[in-house]
């Protein structure tokens, strides 16, 4: 057996160290570290790319349970609302008293003149809180002088169909109370007075009725077709205290009840 020289021993030691460090024969340590790092990076990149690719290719599964639950909740809410509306109709107009289908407004006569072609009529421009004054004709010449008409606060029936009175288009009616004139034992005929709103009432204010639902006025055509005003007329009269009322329900404004100056228990029209 040939004896090993010191050079052989060194080579053997180097080979043993290369084996432990997984170095190729003749490869330096710095080169090995660089190669290892690059390999590790490449492997990591491939892994990340593969993961991303898998995520992109995997379809997102919608949460069917939540969607079904949401639809069921919405359907339940809709059904509940529908049932509530059917069981409790909101202010069904057909169920209202006829008086609530009429519209009475607080007004003020801003101009009055004698109708040129009718002996009994005045023509008036009345402010009822709208863009333009209402033109209304009233058969009051026997009961009021022209001066007494000017500036009067009145109650106007404002949802009547426009009609021509002796050629004058009248869009409403001034509300009055009437009774037999007690002068000469009632032989003097009929006494007529305005139904008047209180001073505190606002021009254009819609009159309400004590103890009744808020008014829901219908159109003038409906008032005429269904004869709503005649149906209300029997119950419209002043009280013993001269307050305007329908079947005992007072005509109310923000300033208090409407009144008549002297006529008590008189029909209103």
Protein backbone atom coordinates (compact mmCIF):
# COMPACT_ATOMS: atom_id res chain seq x y z
CA UNK A 1 0.00 0.00 0.00
CA UNK A 2 1.38 3.33 -1.09
CA UNK A 3 1.69 5.84 1.71
CA UNK A 4 -0.44 9.02 1.32
CA UNK A 5 1.41 12.24 0.88
CA UNK A 6 0.36 15.48 2.64
CA UNK A 7 -1.12 16.68 -0.68
CA UNK A 8 -3.33 13.59 -0.86
CA UNK A 9 -4.53 14.25 2.66
CA UNK A 10 -5.45 17.85 1.78
CA UNK A 11 -7.37 16.76 -1.34
CA UNK A 12 -9.26 14.18 0.73
CA UNK A 13 -10.18 16.81 3.29
CA UNK A 14 -11.39 19.17 0.57
CA UNK A 15 -13.52 16.44 -1.05
CA UNK A 16 -15.04 15.58 2.33
CA UNK A 17 -15.90 19.25 2.97
CA UNK A 18 -17.42 19.65 -0.53
CA UNK A 19 -19.59 16.61 0.12
CA UNK A 20 -20.85 18.03 3.42
CA UNK A 21 -21.63 21.41 1.83
CA UNK A 22 -23.17 19.85 -1.29
CA UNK A 23 -20.59 21.63 -3.46
CA UNK A 24 -19.72 20.42 -6.89
CA UNK A 25 -15.99 19.60 -7.34
CA UNK A 26 -14.11 22.90 -7.76
CA UNK A 27 -17.18 25.08 -6.89
CA UNK A 28 -16.54 27.98 -4.49
CA UNK A 29 -18.72 28.68 -1.47
CA UNK A 30 -19.91 32.13 -2.73
CA UNK A 31 -21.03 30.64 -6.04
CA UNK A 32 -22.92 27.92 -4.22
CA UNK A 33 -24.78 30.48 -2.02
CA UNK A 34 -25.76 32.57 -5.07
CA UNK A 35 -26.97 29.52 -6.95
CA UNK A 36 -28.91 28.27 -3.94
CA UNK A 37 -30.58 31.66 -3.46
CA UNK A 38 -31.55 31.91 -7.12
CA UNK A 39 -32.95 28.40 -7.05
CA UNK A 40 -34.93 29.13 -3.92
CA UNK A 41 -36.29 32.37 -5.42
CA UNK A 42 -37.28 30.66 -8.64
CA UNK A 43 -39.01 27.90 -6.72
CA UNK A 44 -40.88 30.45 -4.59
CA UNK A 45 -41.94 32.44 -7.67
CA UNK A 46 -43.19 29.30 -9.39
CA UNK A 47 -45.17 28.39 -6.26
CA UNK A 48 -46.74 31.87 -6.00
CA UNK A 49 -47.57 31.93 -9.70
CA UNK A 50 -49.14 28.50 -9.48
CA UNK A 51 -51.19 29.57 -6.46
CA UNK A 52 -52.41 32.73 -8.21
CA UNK A 53 -53.24 30.74 -11.31
CA UNK A 54 -55.27 28.28 -9.28
CA UNK A 55 -57.13 31.13 -7.54
CA UNK A 56 -57.95 32.78 -10.88
CA UNK A 57 -59.21 29.56 -12.35
CA UNK A 58 -61.28 28.65 -9.29
CA UNK A 59 -64.78 30.16 -9.75
CA UNK A 60 -66.20 32.16 -6.86
CA UNK A 61 -69.18 30.35 -5.38
CA UNK A 62 -72.00 32.79 -4.52
CA UNK A 63 -73.53 32.60 -1.08
CA UNK A 64 -76.80 31.10 -2.24
CA UNK A 65 -78.09 30.74 1.30
CA UNK A 66 -77.73 34.47 2.06
CA UNK A 67 -79.40 35.46 -1.24
CA UNK A 68 -82.33 33.16 -0.56
CA UNK A 69 -82.61 34.53 2.96
CA UNK A 70 -82.54 38.11 1.66
CA UNK A 71 -85.25 37.40 -0.92
CA UNK A 72 -87.40 35.69 1.70
CA UNK A 73 -87.02 38.69 4.05
CA UNK A 74 -87.94 41.13 1.30
CA UNK A 75 -90.93 39.04 0.28
CA UNK A 76 -92.07 38.82 3.90
CA UNK A 77 -91.79 42.59 4.34
CA UNK A 78 -93.73 43.22 1.12
CA UNK A 79 -96.48 40.81 2.11
CA UNK A 80 -96.70 42.37 5.56
CA UNK A 81 -97.03 45.88 4.11
CA UNK A 82 -99.64 44.71 1.62
CA UNK A 83 -101.71 43.07 4.34
CA UNK A 84 -101.42 46.17 6.54
CA UNK A 85 -102.60 48.44 3.73
CA UNK A 86 -105.58 46.18 3.00
CA UNK A 87 -106.57 45.87 6.64
CA UNK A 88 -106.08 49.59 7.40
CA UNK A 89 -106.75 51.66 4.26
CA UNK A 90 -105.27 55.14 4.61
CA UNK A 91 -108.06 57.70 4.71
CA UNK A 92 -110.35 55.94 2.24
CA UNK A 93 -112.21 58.82 0.62
CA UNK A 94 -115.35 56.75 0.10
CA UNK A 95 -115.65 56.26 3.87
CA UNK A 96 -115.48 59.98 4.64
CA UNK A 97 -118.58 62.02 5.50
CA UNK A 98 -119.78 63.99 2.47
CA UNK A 99 -118.91 67.30 4.13
CA UNK A 100 -115.22 66.26 4.12
CA UNK A 101 -115.37 65.99 0.32
CA UNK A 102 -116.19 69.68 0.01
CA UNK A 103 -113.57 72.40 0.32
CA UNK A 104 -114.34 75.58 2.22
CA UNK A 105 -111.64 78.27 2.26
CA UNK A 106 -111.13 81.49 4.16
CA UNK A 107 -111.38 84.34 1.68
CA UNK A 108 -111.54 88.11 1.39
CA UNK A 109 -113.47 90.15 -1.16
CA UNK A 110 -110.95 92.51 -2.75
CA UNK A 111 -113.32 93.94 -5.36
CA UNK A 112 -117.07 93.82 -5.95
CA UNK A 113 -119.27 95.32 -8.65
CA UNK A 114 -122.82 95.13 -9.86
CA UNK A 115 -123.50 92.55 -12.54
CA UNK A 116 -124.50 94.56 -15.62
CA UNK A 117 -127.11 92.08 -16.80
CA UNK A 118 -128.63 90.68 -13.58
CA UNK A 119 -130.63 92.61 -10.99
CA UNK A 120 -129.81 90.33 -8.06
CA UNK A 121 -126.12 89.56 -8.67
CA UNK A 122 -122.85 91.03 -7.51
CA UNK A 123 -119.61 90.04 -9.20
CA UNK A 124 -116.61 89.63 -6.90
CA UNK A 125 -112.88 89.07 -6.98
CA UNK A 126 -112.07 87.06 -3.87
CA UNK A 127 -108.62 86.27 -2.50
CA UNK A 128 -108.54 82.63 -1.34
CA UNK A 129 -104.76 82.30 -1.15
CA UNK A 130 -104.30 81.22 -4.77
CA UNK A 131 -102.17 82.76 -7.53
CA UNK A 132 -105.11 84.78 -8.84
CA UNK A 133 -108.38 85.87 -7.18
CA UNK A 134 -111.50 83.77 -7.67
CA UNK A 135 -114.26 85.28 -9.78
CA UNK A 136 -117.59 84.55 -8.10
CA UNK A 137 -121.13 85.81 -8.61
CA UNK A 138 -123.47 86.10 -5.61
CA UNK A 139 -127.17 86.95 -5.39
CA UNK A 140 -126.75 89.37 -2.51
CA UNK A 141 -127.83 92.73 -3.86
CA UNK A 142 -131.01 92.62 -1.78
CA UNK A 143 -129.07 91.97 1.41
CA UNK A 144 -125.84 94.01 1.18
CA UNK A 145 -124.93 97.36 -0.32
CA UNK A 146 -121.98 97.50 -2.66
CA UNK A 147 -119.94 99.30 0.00
CA UNK A 148 -120.72 96.56 2.53
CA UNK A 149 -119.32 93.97 0.11
CA UNK A 150 -115.89 95.55 -0.17
CA UNK A 151 -113.15 93.99 1.97
CA UNK A 152 -115.43 91.45 3.66
CA UNK A 153 -113.93 88.28 5.08
CA UNK A 154 -115.97 85.35 3.82
CA UNK A 155 -116.12 81.55 3.55
CA UNK A 156 -115.86 80.26 -0.04
CA UNK A 157 -116.95 76.85 -1.30
CA UNK A 158 -113.94 76.41 -3.56
CA UNK A 159 -114.31 73.01 -5.24
CA UNK A 160 -117.49 73.63 -7.19
CA UNK A 161 -117.58 73.36 -10.95
CA UNK A 162 -117.35 76.71 -12.73
CA UNK A 163 -120.77 77.84 -13.99
CA UNK A 164 -121.99 80.85 -15.91
CA UNK A 165 -124.49 83.04 -14.08
CA UNK A 166 -126.05 85.53 -16.51
CA UNK A 167 -122.97 85.14 -18.68
CA UNK A 168 -120.47 85.57 -15.81
CA UNK A 169 -118.21 82.56 -15.11
CA UNK A 170 -118.51 81.93 -11.39
CA UNK A 171 -115.87 79.62 -9.82
CA UNK A 172 -117.24 78.94 -6.38
CA UNK A 173 -119.82 80.20 -3.93
CA UNK A 174 -119.84 82.52 -0.95
CA UNK A 175 -121.35 80.73 2.06
CA UNK A 176 -124.24 82.46 3.81
CA UNK A 177 -126.86 81.65 6.42
CA UNK A 178 -130.55 82.37 5.91
CA UNK A 179 -133.64 82.59 8.04
CA UNK A 180 -137.08 84.21 7.96
CA UNK A 181 -136.83 87.89 8.66
CA UNK A 182 -138.65 88.53 11.95
CA UNK A 183 -139.59 92.08 10.98
CA UNK A 184 -143.31 92.50 10.53
CA UNK A 185 -143.92 89.01 11.86
CA UNK A 186 -141.80 87.40 9.16
CA UNK A 187 -143.70 89.01 6.31
CA UNK A 188 -140.57 90.87 5.17
CA UNK A 189 -139.23 87.71 3.64
CA UNK A 190 -135.80 86.12 4.09
CA UNK A 191 -132.81 87.46 5.94
CA UNK A 192 -129.37 86.48 4.62
CA UNK A 193 -125.95 87.02 6.26
CA UNK A 194 -122.39 85.98 5.48
CA UNK A 195 -120.85 83.06 7.35
CA UNK A 196 -117.65 84.75 8.51
CA UNK A 197 -114.25 83.36 9.55
CA UNK A 198 -112.65 84.85 12.67
CA UNK A 199 -110.05 87.60 12.32
CA UNK A 200 -107.24 85.21 13.28
CA UNK A 201 -107.91 82.85 10.36
CA UNK A 202 -105.41 82.91 7.50
CA UNK A 203 -106.58 83.82 3.99
CA UNK A 204 -106.62 80.62 1.91
CA UNK A 205 -106.85 78.35 4.96
CA UNK A 206 -108.96 75.23 4.41
CA UNK A 207 -111.71 74.93 7.00
CA UNK A 208 -111.94 71.73 9.05
CA UNK A 209 -114.83 70.22 11.01
CA UNK A 210 -114.66 69.64 14.73
CA UNK A 211 -114.58 65.91 15.50
CA UNK A 212 -114.28 64.81 11.86
CA UNK A 213 -111.32 63.66 9.72
CA UNK A 214 -109.37 66.25 7.70
CA UNK A 215 -111.10 67.22 4.44
CA UNK A 216 -110.18 65.39 1.24
CA UNK A 217 -111.88 67.54 -1.40
CA UNK A 218 -113.02 65.89 -4.61
CA UNK A 219 -113.12 67.59 -8.00
CA UNK A 220 -115.89 69.95 -9.01
CA UNK A 221 -117.10 67.41 -11.53
CA UNK A 222 -117.43 64.79 -8.78
CA UNK A 223 -119.22 67.23 -6.48
CA UNK A 224 -121.77 67.83 -9.22
CA UNK A 225 -122.06 64.23 -10.43
CA UNK A 226 -122.55 62.77 -6.95
CA UNK A 227 -124.66 65.73 -5.75
CA UNK A 228 -122.42 66.14 -2.72
CA UNK A 229 -123.38 69.72 -1.88
CA UNK A 230 -127.15 69.02 -1.82
CA UNK A 231 -126.44 65.93 0.31
CA UNK A 232 -124.67 68.14 2.87
CA UNK A 233 -127.15 71.02 2.76
CA UNK A 234 -129.67 69.49 5.17
CA UNK A 235 -127.07 69.25 7.94
CA UNK A 236 -125.50 72.68 7.33
CA UNK A 237 -126.93 75.23 9.73
CA UNK A 238 -125.90 77.64 12.42
CA UNK A 239 -126.20 76.62 16.05
CA UNK A 240 -128.20 78.37 18.75
CA UNK A 241 -125.09 80.45 19.40
CA UNK A 242 -124.75 81.42 15.73
CA UNK A 243 -121.77 79.10 15.03
CA UNK A 244 -121.47 77.50 11.59
CA UNK A 245 -121.81 73.70 11.75
CA UNK A 246 -122.65 70.51 9.87
CA UNK A 247 -124.70 68.07 11.94
CA UNK A 248 -123.29 69.73 15.02
CA UNK A 249 -119.64 69.63 13.88
CA UNK A 250 -118.34 73.20 13.99
CA UNK A 251 -116.60 74.80 11.00
CA UNK A 252 -113.12 75.46 12.44
CA UNK A 253 -110.10 77.57 11.48
CA UNK A 254 -106.75 78.24 13.13
CA UNK A 255 -108.38 81.33 14.69
CA UNK A 256 -111.47 79.57 15.98
CA UNK A 257 -114.96 78.72 14.67
CA UNK A 258 -116.79 80.43 11.83
CA UNK A 259 -119.82 82.45 12.87
CA UNK A 260 -122.86 84.31 11.69
CA UNK A 261 -123.60 87.79 13.01
CA UNK A 262 -127.24 87.39 14.09
CA UNK A 263 -128.75 84.31 12.45
CA UNK A 264 -129.08 81.31 14.78
CA UNK A 265 -130.47 77.92 13.72
CA UNK A 266 -130.40 79.15 10.14
CA UNK A 267 -129.77 77.07 7.03
CA UNK A 268 -126.38 77.61 5.41
CA UNK A 269 -126.06 77.74 1.66
